PDB file of N, CA and C in Angstrom:
ATOM      1  N   MET A   1      28.347   3.429   6.155  1.00  0.00           N
ATOM      2  CA  MET A   1      27.564   4.424   5.451  1.00  0.00           C
ATOM      3  C   MET A   1      26.104   3.998   5.462  1.00  0.00           C
ATOM      4  N   LYS A   2      25.213   4.915   5.860  1.00  0.00           N
ATOM      5  CA  LYS A   2      23.796   4.591   5.939  1.00  0.00           C
ATOM      6  C   LYS A   2      23.172   4.544   4.558  1.00  0.00           C
ATOM      7  N   ASN A   3      22.153   3.684   4.440  1.00  0.00           N
ATOM      8  CA  ASN A   3      21.371   3.628   3.220  1.00  0.00           C
ATOM      9  C   ASN A   3      20.485   4.854   3.135  1.00  0.00           C
ATOM     10  N   GLU A   4      20.607   5.616   2.069  1.00  0.00           N
ATOM     11  CA  GLU A   4      19.742   6.769   1.899  1.00  0.00           C
ATOM     12  C   GLU A   4      18.499   6.314   1.161  1.00  0.00           C
ATOM     13  N   LYS A   5      17.338   6.677   1.704  1.00  0.00           N
ATOM     14  CA  LYS A   5      16.085   6.274   1.097  1.00  0.00           C
ATOM     15  C   LYS A   5      15.602   7.339   0.136  1.00  0.00           C
ATOM     16  N   LYS A   6      14.949   6.874  -0.913  1.00  0.00           N
ATOM     17  CA  LYS A   6      14.382   7.772  -1.902  1.00  0.00           C
ATOM     18  C   LYS A   6      13.146   8.453  -1.308  1.00  0.00           C
ATOM     19  N   THR A   7      13.002   9.739  -1.567  1.00  0.00           N
ATOM     20  CA  THR A   7      11.842  10.476  -1.094  1.00  0.00           C
ATOM     21  C   THR A   7      10.603  10.013  -1.846  1.00  0.00           C
ATOM     22  N   ILE A   8       9.545   9.736  -1.104  1.00  0.00           N
ATOM     23  CA  ILE A   8       8.284   9.302  -1.694  1.00  0.00           C
ATOM     24  C   ILE A   8       7.330  10.488  -1.657  1.00  0.00           C
ATOM     25  N   TYR A   9       7.195  11.179  -2.789  1.00  0.00           N
ATOM     26  CA  TYR A   9       6.301  12.329  -2.855  1.00  0.00           C
ATOM     27  C   TYR A   9       4.864  11.833  -2.935  1.00  0.00           C
ATOM     28  N   ALA A  10       4.034  12.311  -2.010  1.00  0.00           N
ATOM     29  CA  ALA A  10       2.662  11.829  -1.892  1.00  0.00           C
ATOM     30  C   ALA A  10       1.637  12.877  -2.300  1.00  0.00           C
ATOM     31  N   GLY A  11       2.081  14.078  -2.538  1.00  0.00           N
ATOM     32  CA  GLY A  11       1.140  15.124  -2.903  1.00  0.00           C
ATOM     33  C   GLY A  11       1.819  16.473  -2.973  1.00  0.00           C
ATOM     34  N   SER A  12       0.989  17.482  -3.174  1.00  0.00           N
ATOM     35  CA  SER A  12       1.503  18.853  -3.251  1.00  0.00           C
ATOM     36  C   SER A  12       0.390  19.806  -2.859  1.00  0.00           C
ATOM     37  N   GLY A  13       0.711  21.075  -2.829  1.00  0.00           N
ATOM     38  CA  GLY A  13      -0.302  22.044  -2.457  1.00  0.00           C
ATOM     39  C   GLY A  13       0.196  23.452  -2.573  1.00  0.00           C
ATOM     40  N   LYS A  14      -0.545  24.342  -1.963  1.00  0.00           N
ATOM     41  CA  LYS A  14      -0.222  25.757  -2.048  1.00  0.00           C
ATOM     42  C   LYS A  14      -0.492  26.412  -0.703  1.00  0.00           C
ATOM     43  N   LYS A  15       0.412  27.281  -0.310  1.00  0.00           N
ATOM     44  CA  LYS A  15       0.252  28.046   0.916  1.00  0.00           C
ATOM     45  C   LYS A  15      -0.822  29.106   0.664  1.00  0.00           C
ATOM     46  N   GLN A  16      -1.896  29.064   1.451  1.00  0.00           N
ATOM     47  CA  GLN A  16      -3.002  29.993   1.279  1.00  0.00           C
ATOM     48  C   GLN A  16      -2.816  31.251   2.132  1.00  0.00           C
ATOM     49  N   SER A  17      -2.231  31.056   3.327  1.00  0.00           N
ATOM     50  CA  SER A  17      -1.938  32.167   4.231  1.00  0.00           C
ATOM     51  C   SER A  17      -0.861  31.695   5.189  1.00  0.00           C
ATOM     52  N   GLU A  18      -0.493  32.528   6.160  1.00  0.00           N
ATOM     53  CA  GLU A  18       0.542  32.153   7.122  1.00  0.00           C
ATOM     54  C   GLU A  18       0.153  30.937   7.958  1.00  0.00           C
ATOM     55  N   SER A  19      -1.137  30.696   8.124  1.00  0.00           N
ATOM     56  CA  SER A  19      -1.581  29.598   8.989  1.00  0.00           C
ATOM     57  C   SER A  19      -2.427  28.556   8.253  1.00  0.00           C
ATOM     58  N   TRP A  20      -2.428  28.573   6.913  1.00  0.00           N
ATOM     59  CA  TRP A  20      -3.294  27.655   6.177  1.00  0.00           C
ATOM     60  C   TRP A  20      -2.578  27.140   4.931  1.00  0.00           C
ATOM     61  N   LEU A  21      -2.436  25.822   4.860  1.00  0.00           N
ATOM     62  CA  LEU A  21      -1.906  25.153   3.675  1.00  0.00           C
ATOM     63  C   LEU A  21      -3.025  24.324   3.068  1.00  0.00           C
ATOM     64  N   LYS A  22      -3.137  24.342   1.764  1.00  0.00           N
ATOM     65  CA  LYS A  22      -4.109  23.497   1.074  1.00  0.00           C
ATOM     66  C   LYS A  22      -3.312  22.459   0.287  1.00  0.00           C
ATOM     67  N   ILE A  23      -3.535  21.169   0.593  1.00  0.00           N
ATOM     68  CA  ILE A  23      -2.756  20.112  -0.050  1.00  0.00           C
ATOM     69  C   ILE A  23      -3.680  19.049  -0.629  1.00  0.00           C
ATOM     70  N   THR A  24      -3.142  18.292  -1.566  1.00  0.00           N
ATOM     71  CA  THR A  24      -3.817  17.143  -2.151  1.00  0.00           C
ATOM     72  C   THR A  24      -2.889  15.944  -1.985  1.00  0.00           C
ATOM     73  N   ILE A  25      -3.448  14.830  -1.509  1.00  0.00           N
ATOM     74  CA  ILE A  25      -2.680  13.603  -1.285  1.00  0.00           C
ATOM     75  C   ILE A  25      -3.132  12.544  -2.282  1.00  0.00           C
ATOM     76  N   ASP A  26      -2.177  11.824  -2.870  1.00  0.00           N
ATOM     77  CA  ASP A  26      -2.467  10.712  -3.765  1.00  0.00           C
ATOM     78  C   ASP A  26      -2.516   9.438  -2.920  1.00  0.00           C
ATOM     79  N   PRO A  27      -3.698   8.848  -2.698  1.00  0.00           N
ATOM     80  CA  PRO A  27      -3.794   7.662  -1.831  1.00  0.00           C
ATOM     81  C   PRO A  27      -2.969   6.474  -2.323  1.00  0.00           C
ATOM     82  N   ASP A  28      -2.750   6.364  -3.628  1.00  0.00           N
ATOM     83  CA  ASP A  28      -1.935   5.262  -4.135  1.00  0.00           C
ATOM     84  C   ASP A  28      -0.482   5.380  -3.682  1.00  0.00           C
ATOM     85  N   LYS A  29      -0.017   6.601  -3.425  1.00  0.00           N
ATOM     86  CA  LYS A  29       1.371   6.812  -2.992  1.00  0.00           C
ATOM     87  C   LYS A  29       1.569   6.492  -1.509  1.00  0.00           C
ATOM     88  N   ILE A  30       0.497   6.553  -0.705  1.00  0.00           N
ATOM     89  CA  ILE A  30       0.653   6.341   0.744  1.00  0.00           C
ATOM     90  C   ILE A  30       0.159   4.983   1.217  1.00  0.00           C
ATOM     91  N   LYS A  31      -0.553   4.239   0.378  1.00  0.00           N
ATOM     92  CA  LYS A  31      -1.199   2.998   0.827  1.00  0.00           C
ATOM     93  C   LYS A  31      -0.225   1.969   1.402  1.00  0.00           C
ATOM     94  N   ASP A  32       0.988   1.922   0.903  1.00  0.00           N
ATOM     95  CA  ASP A  32       1.980   0.954   1.409  1.00  0.00           C
ATOM     96  C   ASP A  32       2.696   1.443   2.665  1.00  0.00           C
ATOM     97  N   HIS A  33       2.335   2.630   3.154  1.00  0.00           N
ATOM     98  CA  HIS A  33       3.019   3.216   4.309  1.00  0.00           C
ATOM     99  C   HIS A  33       2.079   3.438   5.487  1.00  0.00           C
ATOM    100  N   ILE A  34       0.930   2.785   5.447  1.00  0.00           N
ATOM    101  CA  ILE A  34      -0.023   2.883   6.553  1.00  0.00           C
ATOM    102  C   ILE A  34       0.524   2.075   7.726  1.00  0.00           C
ATOM    103  N   GLN A  35       0.568   2.708   8.890  1.00  0.00           N
ATOM    104  CA  GLN A  35       1.043   2.053  10.108  1.00  0.00           C
ATOM    105  C   GLN A  35      -0.128   1.900  11.071  1.00  0.00           C
ATOM    106  N   GLU A  36       0.060   1.065  12.063  1.00  0.00           N
ATOM    107  CA  GLU A  36      -0.988   0.856  13.053  1.00  0.00           C
ATOM    108  C   GLU A  36      -0.426   1.060  14.449  1.00  0.00           C
ATOM    109  N   PHE A  37      -1.213   1.703  15.301  1.00  0.00           N
ATOM    110  CA  PHE A  37      -0.831   1.936  16.686  1.00  0.00           C
ATOM    111  C   PHE A  37      -2.099   1.904  17.521  1.00  0.00           C
ATOM    112  N   ASN A  38      -2.125   1.048  18.527  1.00  0.00           N
ATOM    113  CA  ASN A  38      -3.302   0.896  19.395  1.00  0.00           C
ATOM    114  C   ASN A  38      -4.579   0.669  18.585  1.00  0.00           C
ATOM    115  N   GLY A  39      -4.471  -0.118  17.526  1.00  0.00           N
ATOM    116  CA  GLY A  39      -5.636  -0.475  16.730  1.00  0.00           C
ATOM    117  C   GLY A  39      -6.105   0.597  15.758  1.00  0.00           C
ATOM    118  N   ARG A  40      -5.373   1.707  15.659  1.00  0.00           N
ATOM    119  CA  ARG A  40      -5.745   2.787  14.742  1.00  0.00           C
ATOM    120  C   ARG A  40      -4.700   2.908  13.648  1.00  0.00           C
ATOM    121  N   LYS A  41      -5.136   3.270  12.457  1.00  0.00           N
ATOM    122  CA  LYS A  41      -4.231   3.404  11.318  1.00  0.00           C
ATOM    123  C   LYS A  41      -3.872   4.865  11.092  1.00  0.00           C
ATOM    124  N   PHE A  42      -2.627   5.076  10.650  1.00  0.00           N
ATOM    125  CA  PHE A  42      -2.160   6.422  10.352  1.00  0.00           C
ATOM    126  C   PHE A  42      -1.014   6.371   9.352  1.00  0.00           C
ATOM    127  N   VAL A  43      -0.723   7.493   8.734  1.00  0.00           N
ATOM    128  CA  VAL A  43       0.415   7.658   7.835  1.00  0.00           C
ATOM    129  C   VAL A  43       1.159   8.904   8.287  1.00  0.00           C
ATOM    130  N   LYS A  44       2.466   8.776   8.492  1.00  0.00           N
ATOM    131  CA  LYS A  44       3.280   9.932   8.866  1.00  0.00           C
ATOM    132  C   LYS A  44       3.725  10.640   7.586  1.00  0.00           C
ATOM    133  N   LEU A  45       3.479  11.953   7.542  1.00  0.00           N
ATOM    134  CA  LEU A  45       3.818  12.742   6.359  1.00  0.00           C
ATOM    135  C   LEU A  45       4.688  13.929   6.736  1.00  0.00           C
ATOM    136  N   ASN A  46       5.528  14.342   5.807  1.00  0.00           N
ATOM    137  CA  ASN A  46       6.311  15.569   5.932  1.00  0.00           C
ATOM    138  C   ASN A  46       5.689  16.594   5.005  1.00  0.00           C
ATOM    139  N   ILE A  47       5.469  17.800   5.499  1.00  0.00           N
ATOM    140  CA  ILE A  47       4.943  18.881   4.680  1.00  0.00           C
ATOM    141  C   ILE A  47       6.012  19.968   4.644  1.00  0.00           C
ATOM    142  N   ASN A  48       6.456  20.296   3.442  1.00  0.00           N
ATOM    143  CA  ASN A  48       7.534  21.259   3.255  1.00  0.00           C
ATOM    144  C   ASN A  48       7.036  22.450   2.438  1.00  0.00           C
ATOM    145  N   ILE A  49       7.379  23.647   2.900  1.00  0.00           N
ATOM    146  CA  ILE A  49       7.011  24.864   2.194  1.00  0.00           C
ATOM    147  C   ILE A  49       8.260  25.392   1.501  1.00  0.00           C
ATOM    148  N   GLY A  50       8.141  25.677   0.212  1.00  0.00           N
ATOM    149  CA  GLY A  50       9.290  26.154  -0.546  1.00  0.00           C
ATOM    150  C   GLY A  50       8.891  27.202  -1.557  1.00  0.00           C
ATOM    151  N   GLU A  51       9.660  27.268  -2.623  1.00  0.00           N
ATOM    152  CA  GLU A  51       9.397  28.210  -3.713  1.00  0.00           C
ATOM    153  C   GLU A  51       8.352  27.628  -4.667  1.00  0.00           C
ATOM    154  N   LEU A  52       7.668  28.496  -5.403  1.00  0.00           N
ATOM    155  CA  LEU A  52       6.694  28.045  -6.400  1.00  0.00           C
ATOM    156  C   LEU A  52       7.381  27.190  -7.449  1.00  0.00           C
ATOM    157  N   ASN A  53       6.745  26.080  -7.821  1.00  0.00           N
ATOM    158  CA  ASN A  53       7.296  25.233  -8.874  1.00  0.00           C
ATOM    159  C   ASN A  53       6.598  25.539 -10.200  1.00  0.00           C
ATOM    160  N   GLN A  54       6.870  24.731 -11.201  1.00  0.00           N
ATOM    161  CA  GLN A  54       6.309  24.960 -12.537  1.00  0.00           C
ATOM    162  C   GLN A  54       4.791  24.815 -12.568  1.00  0.00           C
ATOM    163  N   TYR A  55       4.205  24.178 -11.549  1.00  0.00           N
ATOM    164  CA  TYR A  55       2.751  24.000 -11.488  1.00  0.00           C
ATOM    165  C   TYR A  55       2.095  24.984 -10.526  1.00  0.00           C
ATOM    166  N   ASP A  56       2.823  26.023 -10.127  1.00  0.00           N
ATOM    167  CA  ASP A  56       2.341  27.056  -9.212  1.00  0.00           C
ATOM    168  C   ASP A  56       2.058  26.498  -7.814  1.00  0.00           C
ATOM    169  N   LYS A  57       2.800  25.468  -7.409  1.00  0.00           N
ATOM    170  CA  LYS A  57       2.676  24.867  -6.078  1.00  0.00           C
ATOM    171  C   LYS A  57       3.906  25.215  -5.265  1.00  0.00           C
ATOM    172  N   ASP A  58       3.718  25.550  -3.994  1.00  0.00           N
ATOM    173  CA  ASP A  58       4.857  25.859  -3.129  1.00  0.00           C
ATOM    174  C   ASP A  58       4.898  24.976  -1.885  1.00  0.00           C
ATOM    175  N   VAL A  59       4.084  23.923  -1.874  1.00  0.00           N
ATOM    176  CA  VAL A  59       4.041  22.971  -0.763  1.00  0.00           C
ATOM    177  C   VAL A  59       4.235  21.574  -1.333  1.00  0.00           C
ATOM    178  N   SER A  60       5.161  20.807  -0.745  1.00  0.00           N
ATOM    179  CA  SER A  60       5.334  19.409  -1.151  1.00  0.00           C
ATOM    180  C   SER A  60       5.047  18.514   0.055  1.00  0.00           C
ATOM    181  N   VAL A  61       4.485  17.353  -0.232  1.00  0.00           N
ATOM    182  CA  VAL A  61       4.134  16.389   0.805  1.00  0.00           C
ATOM    183  C   VAL A  61       4.854  15.090   0.486  1.00  0.00           C
ATOM    184  N   SER A  62       5.580  14.552   1.479  1.00  0.00           N
ATOM    185  CA  SER A  62       6.269  13.285   1.294  1.00  0.00           C
ATOM    186  C   SER A  62       5.989  12.380   2.485  1.00  0.00           C
ATOM    187  N   VAL A  63       6.160  11.083   2.259  1.00  0.00           N
ATOM    188  CA  VAL A  63       5.952  10.093   3.313  1.00  0.00           C
ATOM    189  C   VAL A  63       7.159  10.109   4.244  1.00  0.00           C
ATOM    190  N   ASP A  64       6.904  10.146   5.548  1.00  0.00           N
ATOM    191  CA  ASP A  64       7.967  10.067   6.546  1.00  0.00           C
ATOM    192  C   ASP A  64       8.276   8.593   6.760  1.00  0.00           C
ATOM    193  N   THR A  65       9.384   8.124   6.210  1.00  0.00           N
ATOM    194  CA  THR A  65       9.740   6.705   6.282  1.00  0.00           C
ATOM    195  C   THR A  65      10.779   6.409   7.356  1.00  0.00           C
ATOM    196  N   TRP A  66      11.126   7.404   8.190  1.00  0.00           N
ATOM    197  CA  TRP A  66      12.141   7.202   9.209  1.00  0.00           C
ATOM    198  C   TRP A  66      11.687   6.166  10.227  1.00  0.00           C
ATOM    199  N   LYS A  67      12.585   5.255  10.551  1.00  0.00           N
ATOM    200  CA  LYS A  67      12.356   4.262  11.597  1.00  0.00           C
ATOM    201  C   LYS A  67      13.648   4.141  12.398  1.00  0.00           C
ATOM    202  N   PRO A  68      13.534   3.970  13.719  1.00  0.00           N
ATOM    203  CA  PRO A  68      14.754   3.806  14.518  1.00  0.00           C
ATOM    204  C   PRO A  68      15.460   2.499  14.180  1.00  0.00           C
ATOM    205  N   ASP A  69      16.771   2.476  14.345  1.00  0.00           N
ATOM    206  CA  ASP A  69      17.563   1.279  14.060  1.00  0.00           C
ATOM    207  C   ASP A  69      17.496   0.313  15.231  1.00  0.00           C
ATOM    208  N   ASN A  70      16.479  -0.523  15.264  1.00  0.00           N
ATOM    209  CA  ASN A  70      16.307  -1.566  16.281  1.00  0.00           C
ATOM    210  C   ASN A  70      16.415  -1.043  17.710  1.00  0.00           C
ATOM    211  N   GLU A  71      16.006   0.186  17.923  1.00  0.00           N
ATOM    212  CA  GLU A  71      16.006   0.749  19.268  1.00  0.00           C
ATOM    213  C   GLU A  71      14.631   0.520  19.887  1.00  0.00           C
ATOM    214  N   PRO A  72      14.566   0.309  21.190  1.00  0.00           N
ATOM    215  CA  PRO A  72      13.252   0.168  21.813  1.00  0.00           C
ATOM    216  C   PRO A  72      12.467   1.468  21.716  1.00  0.00           C
ATOM    217  N   LEU A  73      11.156   1.347  21.700  1.00  0.00           N
ATOM    218  CA  LEU A  73      10.306   2.531  21.656  1.00  0.00           C
ATOM    219  C   LEU A  73      10.489   3.358  22.923  1.00  0.00           C
ATOM    220  N   PRO A  74      10.364   4.677  22.811  1.00  0.00           N
ATOM    221  CA  PRO A  74      10.401   5.502  24.019  1.00  0.00           C
ATOM    222  C   PRO A  74       9.278   5.093  24.965  1.00  0.00           C
ATOM    223  N   LYS A  75       9.477   5.311  26.272  1.00  0.00           N
ATOM    224  CA  LYS A  75       8.487   4.882  27.266  1.00  0.00           C
ATOM    225  C   LYS A  75       7.098   5.417  26.974  1.00  0.00           C
ATOM    226  N   GLU A  76       7.015   6.672  26.498  1.00  0.00           N
ATOM    227  CA  GLU A  76       5.694   7.244  26.244  1.00  0.00           C
ATOM    228  C   GLU A  76       4.972   6.539  25.100  1.00  0.00           C
ATOM    229  N   MET A  77       5.695   5.792  24.262  1.00  0.00           N
ATOM    230  CA  MET A  77       5.059   5.053  23.173  1.00  0.00           C
ATOM    231  C   MET A  77       4.814   3.595  23.547  1.00  0.00           C
ATOM    232  N   GLN A  78       5.443   3.102  24.619  1.00  0.00           N
ATOM    233  CA  GLN A  78       5.300   1.709  24.990  1.00  0.00           C
ATOM    234  C   GLN A  78       3.958   1.416  25.631  1.00  0.00           C
ATOM    235  N   SER A  79       3.488   2.273  26.485  1.00  0.00           N
ATOM    236  CA  SER A  79       2.193   2.056  27.111  1.00  0.00           C
ATOM    237  C   SER A  79       1.480   3.385  27.227  1.00  0.00           C
ATOM    238  N   LYS A  80       0.336   3.466  26.596  1.00  0.00           N
ATOM    239  CA  LYS A  80      -0.454   4.691  26.608  1.00  0.00           C
ATOM    240  C   LYS A  80      -1.766   4.409  27.312  1.00  0.00           C
ATOM    241  N   ASN A  81      -2.166   5.293  28.204  1.00  0.00           N
ATOM    242  CA  ASN A  81      -3.470   5.174  28.828  1.00  0.00           C
ATOM    243  C   ASN A  81      -4.566   5.688  27.913  1.00  0.00           C
ATOM    244  N   ASP A  82      -4.271   6.707  27.128  1.00  0.00           N
ATOM    245  CA  ASP A  82      -5.240   7.302  26.219  1.00  0.00           C
ATOM    246  C   ASP A  82      -5.069   6.669  24.845  1.00  0.00           C
ATOM    247  N   LYS A  83      -5.938   5.757  24.481  1.00  0.00           N
ATOM    248  CA  LYS A  83      -5.806   5.019  23.234  1.00  0.00           C
ATOM    249  C   LYS A  83      -6.136   5.856  22.004  1.00  0.00           C
ATOM    250  N   ASP A  84      -6.625   7.095  22.174  1.00  0.00           N
ATOM    251  CA  ASP A  84      -6.932   7.945  21.036  1.00  0.00           C
ATOM    252  C   ASP A  84      -5.713   8.683  20.514  1.00  0.00           C
ATOM    253  N   ASP A  85      -4.627   8.717  21.288  1.00  0.00           N
ATOM    254  CA  ASP A  85      -3.434   9.445  20.859  1.00  0.00           C
ATOM    255  C   ASP A  85      -2.602   8.604  19.911  1.00  0.00           C
ATOM    256  N   LEU A  86      -2.086   9.254  18.855  1.00  0.00           N
ATOM    257  CA  LEU A  86      -1.146   8.606  17.960  1.00  0.00           C
ATOM    258  C   LEU A  86       0.253   8.818  18.514  1.00  0.00           C
ATOM    259  N   PRO A  87       1.228   7.995  18.128  1.00  0.00           N
ATOM    260  CA  PRO A  87       2.543   8.040  18.742  1.00  0.00           C
ATOM    261  C   PRO A  87       3.447   9.159  18.247  1.00  0.00           C
ATOM    262  N   PHE A  88       2.920  10.304  17.916  1.00  0.00           N
ATOM    263  CA  PHE A  88       3.754  11.429  17.486  1.00  0.00           C
ATOM    264  C   PHE A  88       3.109  12.713  17.900  1.00  0.00           C
TER     265      PHE A  88
END
């Protein structure tokens, strides 16, 4: 049985239109989840659109904590010619 990880909510927001979400992120919630790739830092986040909550928010933001189980990185992530690209 796999270990289920607790969802780390990092922020919330509101859907402004079909193509625009406005969100707020709490930096204290994401600081321990900063990753590095090719010398650049990033945080993987999940943005979910749902029903309005008690605070009139319909967007939730959580940290994407998924990691492969000791599998090698895909070839496209092992060597990149363009160092500006993040691995996702």
